[in-house]
Amino acid sequence: MIIGIVIAVVALVALLLASKSVKIAREYQRLVLFRLGRAIGTRGPGIVFLNPATDRTTLVDLREQYLEVPHQTAITKDNAPISIDFIVFYKVVDPSMSVLAVGNFAGAALNVAATTLRSVVGDMPLDDVLSKREATNAALRVRLDEVTERWGVKVTNVEVREVNPPPGVQEAMTRQMSAERTRRAQVTEAEGSKSAAILQAEGQQQAAVLAAEGQKQANVLAADGERQAALLRAQGYSSALGTIFEVAKTLDENTLALQYLDTLRQIGMSPSTKFVIPMEVGSIVQGIRGLVAAQAQQGGRAPAPAPAVATVPAELDAPTANGSDPAS
């Protein structure tokens, strides 16, 4: 019975010693080994065998971590109070120094970040703090990295999350934003009106040019048409004159005299109150007498006596005093 109890106790002690002698470190972890209180380096990843009597370890995480810095009030270069909160991203690059050089990295980093923020913001005016966040982030990262480098920690990034100016500044910013938007709207409207006026003027100019070109072409076509029409009329008149001339060459005096009398008869049938009696009516009558005599001789009859032809005085063709024309 006693031997069994002893064996059980020995086995339990062996298990405890075995659990203390073996450590397993993951890929992103390192073990800082202390032997008899002295740091002798890092171990891992994988299985690490230890002497449970003399060795002690501290586990260090190599993954990137972050710290949230709460709202900090700082004074800008132009004496404007402002509240800022930001996030610090960091990772351990030297596990031994991160354990040996600083006791509480998170607390130390928070305090360093707060003081660094006040230093950086104090060198910048309010407008730059509000508008140039990239410059603020870069300045904070460089300042914090200078401090944390001796702790074996690398600050990878700093991001300003929220910037809260005082209420008076916020109201002024709101008014400024409203005025700026109004100005942009007026500028945009003016540019639109200008563009519209320019387009309208260009359209009117193009329309006038097109209208002038159309009128020019119409005038050219009309002139060409009139020229061709006049040419055709002249050709027709010339052809008519030629035809008349050809026909006139085949006529004798008797035919012309008869046509002359027929023309006088048509004039006499006109409702006009004015008669035109040609002065050569005597010669016309003589021609008719000769024609009648020739016809009579051919028929074996004596010619009839010629009618007397009176000389028409010139007064018959002149208007009377009261403006009426004399009747024949």
Protein backbone atom coordinates (compact mmCIF):
# COMPACT_ATOMS: atom_id res chain seq x y z
CA MET A 1 0.00 0.00 0.00
CA ILE A 2 2.73 2.44 1.01
CA ILE A 3 4.80 1.50 -2.03
CA GLY A 4 1.86 2.21 -4.33
CA ILE A 5 1.34 5.63 -2.80
CA VAL A 6 5.02 6.46 -3.24
CA ILE A 7 4.95 5.36 -6.87
CA ALA A 8 1.89 7.50 -7.53
CA VAL A 9 3.52 10.55 -5.95
CA VAL A 10 6.69 10.01 -7.97
CA ALA A 11 4.68 9.72 -11.20
CA LEU A 12 2.77 12.91 -10.42
CA VAL A 13 5.99 14.81 -9.74
CA ALA A 14 7.46 13.45 -12.98
CA LEU A 15 4.44 14.68 -14.93
CA LEU A 16 4.67 18.11 -13.34
CA LEU A 17 8.38 18.33 -14.14
CA ALA A 18 7.73 17.18 -17.71
CA SER A 19 5.09 19.86 -18.18
CA LYS A 20 7.51 22.49 -16.88
CA SER A 21 10.35 21.23 -19.05
CA VAL A 22 8.56 21.45 -22.40
CA LYS A 23 7.13 24.61 -24.00
CA ILE A 24 5.52 24.98 -27.43
CA ALA A 25 5.80 28.37 -29.18
CA ARG A 26 3.62 29.16 -32.19
CA GLU A 27 4.97 30.63 -35.40
CA TYR A 28 4.13 34.20 -34.36
CA GLN A 29 5.46 33.76 -30.80
CA ARG A 30 8.89 33.84 -29.25
CA LEU A 31 10.10 32.81 -25.77
CA VAL A 32 12.60 35.06 -24.00
CA LEU A 33 14.62 32.60 -21.86
CA PHE A 34 15.97 33.54 -18.43
CA ARG A 35 18.34 31.12 -16.70
CA LEU A 36 19.06 31.84 -13.08
CA GLY A 37 17.72 35.36 -13.75
CA ARG A 38 19.91 36.15 -16.72
CA ALA A 39 18.55 36.55 -20.27
CA ILE A 40 20.24 34.06 -22.54
CA GLY A 41 18.23 34.71 -25.74
CA THR A 42 15.02 33.77 -27.42
CA ARG A 43 13.60 30.38 -28.28
CA GLY A 44 10.98 29.22 -30.78
CA PRO A 45 8.95 28.62 -32.69
CA GLY A 46 8.21 24.96 -32.04
CA ILE A 47 9.10 22.73 -29.02
CA VAL A 48 11.43 24.28 -26.48
CA PHE A 49 12.99 22.12 -23.72
CA LEU A 50 13.68 23.84 -20.41
CA ASN A 51 15.23 23.08 -17.08
CA PRO A 52 12.33 23.61 -14.71
CA ALA A 53 14.66 24.26 -11.80
CA THR A 54 16.68 27.12 -13.36
CA ASP A 55 14.84 28.38 -16.48
CA ARG A 56 12.01 30.90 -16.74
CA THR A 57 10.39 32.26 -19.95
CA THR A 58 8.39 35.27 -21.11
CA LEU A 59 6.11 34.91 -24.12
CA VAL A 60 6.28 37.68 -26.76
CA ASP A 61 3.74 38.11 -29.60
CA LEU A 62 5.31 39.22 -32.92
CA ARG A 63 2.03 40.09 -34.66
CA GLU A 64 1.11 43.68 -35.41
CA GLN A 65 -0.88 45.25 -32.58
CA TYR A 66 -2.70 48.54 -32.10
CA LEU A 67 -3.35 51.01 -29.33
CA GLU A 68 -6.35 53.32 -29.21
CA VAL A 69 -5.33 56.70 -27.87
CA PRO A 70 -8.41 58.42 -26.35
CA HIS A 71 -9.33 62.05 -27.00
CA GLN A 72 -6.46 64.38 -26.19
CA THR A 73 -6.81 68.16 -26.01
CA ALA A 74 -4.01 70.08 -27.71
CA ILE A 75 -3.34 73.73 -28.55
CA THR A 76 -2.56 74.55 -32.16
CA LYS A 77 0.02 77.05 -33.33
CA ASP A 78 -2.65 79.76 -33.63
CA ASN A 79 -3.85 79.10 -30.02
CA ALA A 80 -6.99 77.14 -30.91
CA PRO A 81 -7.90 74.24 -28.58
CA ILE A 82 -8.68 71.02 -30.39
CA SER A 83 -9.52 67.47 -29.35
CA ILE A 84 -7.97 64.57 -31.25
CA ASP A 85 -8.02 60.81 -30.91
CA PHE A 86 -5.96 58.41 -33.00
CA ILE A 87 -4.77 54.81 -33.37
CA VAL A 88 -1.17 53.58 -33.19
CA PHE A 89 -0.17 50.39 -35.02
CA TYR A 90 3.04 48.67 -33.91
CA LYS A 91 4.86 45.34 -33.94
CA VAL A 92 7.73 43.83 -31.95
CA VAL A 93 10.96 43.50 -33.94
CA ASP A 94 13.27 42.59 -31.03
CA PRO A 95 11.62 40.25 -28.47
CA SER A 96 14.45 40.55 -25.94
CA MET A 97 14.45 44.37 -25.94
CA SER A 98 10.66 44.51 -25.72
CA VAL A 99 10.92 42.54 -22.46
CA LEU A 100 14.11 43.99 -21.03
CA ALA A 101 13.79 47.68 -22.04
CA VAL A 102 10.23 48.46 -20.96
CA GLY A 103 8.03 47.06 -18.25
CA ASN A 104 4.57 48.05 -19.60
CA PHE A 105 4.76 48.88 -23.25
CA ALA A 106 1.06 49.67 -23.65
CA GLY A 107 1.02 52.25 -20.84
CA ALA A 108 4.34 53.76 -21.92
CA ALA A 109 3.18 53.99 -25.54
CA LEU A 110 -0.07 55.73 -24.57
CA ASN A 111 1.73 58.39 -22.58
CA VAL A 112 4.35 58.91 -25.27
CA ALA A 113 1.60 59.22 -27.90
CA ALA A 114 -0.27 61.86 -25.86
CA THR A 115 2.81 64.04 -25.34
CA THR A 116 3.93 63.58 -28.95
CA LEU A 117 0.48 64.62 -30.18
CA ARG A 118 0.63 67.88 -28.25
CA SER A 119 4.10 68.56 -29.62
CA VAL A 120 3.12 67.91 -33.22
CA VAL A 121 -0.19 69.84 -33.10
CA GLY A 122 1.51 72.77 -31.39
CA ASP A 123 3.67 73.27 -34.48
CA MET A 124 0.69 73.36 -36.90
CA PRO A 125 -2.08 75.94 -37.44
CA LEU A 126 -5.69 74.87 -37.07
CA ASP A 127 -6.39 74.79 -40.81
CA ASP A 128 -3.48 72.43 -41.41
CA VAL A 129 -4.59 70.13 -38.59
CA LEU A 130 -8.07 69.95 -40.11
CA SER A 131 -7.06 69.60 -43.75
CA LYS A 132 -3.62 67.94 -43.73
CA ARG A 133 -4.24 64.73 -41.86
CA GLU A 134 -1.63 62.84 -43.85
CA ALA A 135 1.04 65.26 -42.68
CA THR A 136 -0.16 64.91 -39.07
CA ASN A 137 -0.13 61.12 -39.32
CA ALA A 138 3.40 61.08 -40.75
CA ALA A 139 4.73 63.47 -38.11
CA LEU A 140 3.21 61.42 -35.27
CA ARG A 141 4.56 58.16 -36.68
CA VAL A 142 8.11 59.53 -36.99
CA ARG A 143 8.09 60.99 -33.45
CA LEU A 144 6.67 57.83 -31.87
CA ASP A 145 9.03 55.56 -33.78
CA GLU A 146 12.01 57.52 -32.50
CA VAL A 147 10.94 56.74 -28.93
CA THR A 148 9.79 53.14 -29.33
CA GLU A 149 12.77 52.07 -31.39
CA ARG A 150 14.90 51.64 -28.26
CA TRP A 151 12.23 49.29 -26.88
CA GLY A 152 12.53 46.94 -29.83
CA VAL A 153 9.15 48.00 -31.14
CA LYS A 154 8.43 49.46 -34.59
CA VAL A 155 5.54 51.91 -35.07
CA THR A 156 4.17 50.98 -38.49
CA ASN A 157 1.35 53.50 -38.84
CA VAL A 158 -0.57 56.26 -37.05
CA GLU A 159 -4.10 57.23 -38.08
CA VAL A 160 -5.94 60.28 -36.73
CA ARG A 161 -9.50 59.10 -36.27
CA GLU A 162 -11.44 62.17 -35.17
CA VAL A 163 -10.69 65.87 -34.85
CA ASN A 164 -13.12 68.02 -32.85
CA PRO A 165 -12.56 71.79 -33.01
CA PRO A 166 -14.24 74.07 -30.44
CA PRO A 167 -17.91 75.06 -31.03
CA GLY A 168 -17.07 78.59 -32.14
CA VAL A 169 -14.65 77.28 -34.73
CA GLN A 170 -17.23 74.76 -35.92
CA GLU A 171 -19.81 77.54 -36.44
CA ALA A 172 -17.26 79.62 -38.34
CA MET A 173 -16.38 76.61 -40.47
CA THR A 174 -20.07 76.01 -41.19
CA ARG A 175 -20.55 79.63 -42.30
CA GLN A 176 -17.40 79.48 -44.38
CA MET A 177 -18.54 76.26 -46.02
CA SER A 178 -21.94 77.77 -46.79
CA ALA A 179 -20.35 80.89 -48.28
CA GLU A 180 -17.95 78.78 -50.32
CA ARG A 181 -20.76 76.65 -51.68
CA THR A 182 -22.76 79.78 -52.55
CA ARG A 183 -19.75 81.22 -54.33
CA ARG A 184 -19.23 78.00 -56.27
CA ALA A 185 -22.90 77.92 -57.22
CA GLN A 186 -22.74 81.52 -58.49
CA VAL A 187 -19.53 80.82 -60.38
CA THR A 188 -21.03 77.70 -61.91
CA GLU A 189 -24.20 79.58 -62.88
CA ALA A 190 -22.17 82.42 -64.39
CA GLU A 191 -20.03 79.99 -66.35
CA GLY A 192 -23.18 78.23 -67.57
CA SER A 193 -24.72 81.54 -68.68
CA LYS A 194 -21.48 82.48 -70.40
CA SER A 195 -21.28 79.16 -72.21
CA ALA A 196 -24.95 79.41 -73.22
CA ALA A 197 -24.46 82.95 -74.56
CA ILE A 198 -21.36 81.89 -76.48
CA LEU A 199 -23.15 78.90 -77.97
CA GLN A 200 -26.16 81.03 -78.88
CA ALA A 201 -23.95 83.66 -80.53
CA GLU A 202 -22.06 80.99 -82.43
CA GLY A 203 -25.35 79.44 -83.53
CA GLN A 204 -26.67 82.80 -84.73
CA GLN A 205 -23.41 83.46 -86.56
CA GLN A 206 -23.51 80.08 -88.27
CA ALA A 207 -27.19 80.58 -89.14
CA ALA A 208 -26.43 84.00 -90.65
CA VAL A 209 -23.53 82.55 -92.64
CA LEU A 210 -25.70 79.71 -93.91
CA ALA A 211 -28.53 82.13 -94.76
CA ALA A 212 -26.11 84.40 -96.65
CA GLU A 213 -24.66 81.45 -98.54
CA GLY A 214 -28.18 80.23 -99.36
CA GLN A 215 -29.23 83.69 -100.57
CA LYS A 216 -26.05 83.91 -102.62
CA GLN A 217 -26.70 80.56 -104.26
CA ALA A 218 -30.35 81.53 -104.85
CA ASN A 219 -29.28 84.80 -106.49
CA VAL A 220 -26.74 82.97 -108.63
CA LEU A 221 -29.34 80.43 -109.70
CA ALA A 222 -31.94 83.16 -110.36
CA ALA A 223 -29.46 85.18 -112.43
CA ASP A 224 -28.45 82.07 -114.33
CA GLY A 225 -32.13 81.28 -114.94
CA GLU A 226 -32.83 84.80 -116.14
CA ARG A 227 -29.80 84.68 -118.41
CA GLN A 228 -30.89 81.38 -119.90
CA ALA A 229 -34.48 82.68 -120.27
CA ALA A 230 -33.28 85.85 -122.01
CA LEU A 231 -31.05 83.77 -124.23
CA LEU A 232 -33.98 81.51 -125.13
CA ARG A 233 -36.26 84.54 -125.78
CA ALA A 234 -33.59 86.11 -127.97
CA GLN A 235 -33.13 82.84 -129.84
CA GLY A 236 -36.92 82.54 -130.27
CA TYR A 237 -37.23 86.14 -131.45
CA SER A 238 -34.34 85.66 -133.83
CA SER A 239 -35.93 82.49 -135.19
CA ALA A 240 -39.30 84.31 -135.59
CA LEU A 241 -37.64 87.18 -137.42
CA GLY A 242 -35.86 84.76 -139.65
CA THR A 243 -39.10 82.95 -140.42
CA ILE A 244 -40.89 86.25 -141.12
CA PHE A 245 -38.05 87.35 -143.35
CA GLU A 246 -38.12 84.08 -145.28
CA VAL A 247 -41.89 84.33 -145.71
CA ALA A 248 -41.73 88.02 -146.65
CA LYS A 249 -39.36 87.26 -149.52
CA THR A 250 -42.03 85.10 -151.15
CA LEU A 251 -44.79 87.79 -151.02
CA ASP A 252 -45.57 90.32 -153.77
CA GLU A 253 -46.89 93.89 -153.56
CA ASN A 254 -50.50 92.87 -154.00
CA THR A 255 -50.45 90.54 -151.02
CA LEU A 256 -48.82 93.17 -148.87
CA ALA A 257 -51.42 95.74 -149.92
CA LEU A 258 -54.27 93.40 -149.06
CA GLN A 259 -52.72 92.64 -145.67
CA TYR A 260 -52.31 96.39 -145.12
CA LEU A 261 -56.01 96.96 -145.82
CA ASP A 262 -56.98 94.12 -143.54
CA THR A 263 -54.93 95.68 -140.75
CA LEU A 264 -56.68 99.03 -141.32
CA ARG A 265 -60.04 97.27 -141.19
CA GLN A 266 -59.17 95.71 -137.83
CA ILE A 267 -58.09 99.11 -136.51
CA GLY A 268 -61.40 100.57 -137.66
CA MET A 269 -63.32 97.91 -135.74
CA SER A 270 -61.52 98.91 -132.53
CA PRO A 271 -63.67 100.73 -129.90
CA SER A 272 -61.05 103.45 -129.66
CA THR A 273 -62.15 106.97 -130.52
CA LYS A 274 -58.85 107.77 -132.18
CA PHE A 275 -58.07 106.65 -135.74
CA VAL A 276 -54.64 106.51 -137.27
CA ILE A 277 -54.78 107.13 -141.03
CA PRO A 278 -51.42 106.63 -142.68
CA MET A 279 -50.23 109.37 -145.03
CA GLU A 280 -49.40 106.82 -147.72
CA VAL A 281 -53.07 105.79 -148.12
CA GLY A 282 -53.02 107.28 -151.62
CA SER A 283 -50.27 104.97 -152.77
CA ILE A 284 -52.14 102.07 -151.20
CA VAL A 285 -55.31 102.94 -153.17
CA GLN A 286 -53.31 103.30 -156.37
CA GLY A 287 -51.93 99.84 -155.77
CA ILE A 288 -55.43 98.47 -155.27
CA ARG A 289 -56.63 100.17 -158.50
CA GLY A 290 -53.81 98.58 -160.39
CA LEU A 291 -54.70 95.23 -158.93
CA VAL A 292 -58.39 95.62 -159.89
CA ALA A 293 -57.43 96.77 -163.41
CA ALA A 294 -55.25 93.77 -163.87
CA GLN A 295 -58.03 91.47 -162.80
CA ALA A 296 -60.50 93.21 -165.13
CA GLN A 297 -58.23 92.94 -168.13
CA GLN A 298 -57.82 89.28 -167.47
CA GLY A 299 -61.62 88.94 -167.30
CA GLY A 300 -62.31 91.09 -170.48
CA ARG A 301 -64.13 93.84 -168.59
CA ALA A 302 -63.38 97.56 -168.37
CA PRO A 303 -61.92 98.67 -165.11
CA ALA A 304 -64.12 100.49 -162.68
CA PRO A 305 -63.40 104.10 -161.92
CA ALA A 306 -61.07 104.60 -159.00
CA PRO A 307 -62.49 106.13 -155.89
CA ALA A 308 -61.43 109.56 -155.06
CA VAL A 309 -58.97 109.73 -152.27
CA ALA A 310 -59.10 112.78 -150.13
CA THR A 311 -56.06 114.15 -148.55
CA VAL A 312 -56.31 113.75 -144.82
CA PRO A 313 -55.45 116.98 -143.08
CA ALA A 314 -53.02 116.80 -140.19
CA GLU A 315 -55.59 118.25 -137.80
CA LEU A 316 -57.48 114.92 -137.73
CA ASP A 317 -54.68 113.30 -135.73
CA ALA A 318 -54.46 116.11 -133.19
CA PRO A 319 -56.67 116.18 -130.04
CA THR A 320 -59.34 118.82 -129.64
CA ALA A 321 -59.24 121.62 -127.11
CA ASN A 322 -61.54 119.88 -124.67
CA GLY A 323 -59.34 116.78 -124.65
CA SER A 324 -61.56 114.50 -126.80
CA ASP A 325 -60.38 112.84 -130.01
CA PRO A 326 -62.01 113.69 -133.37
CA ALA A 327 -64.02 110.94 -135.05
CA SER A 328 -63.33 109.91 -138.60
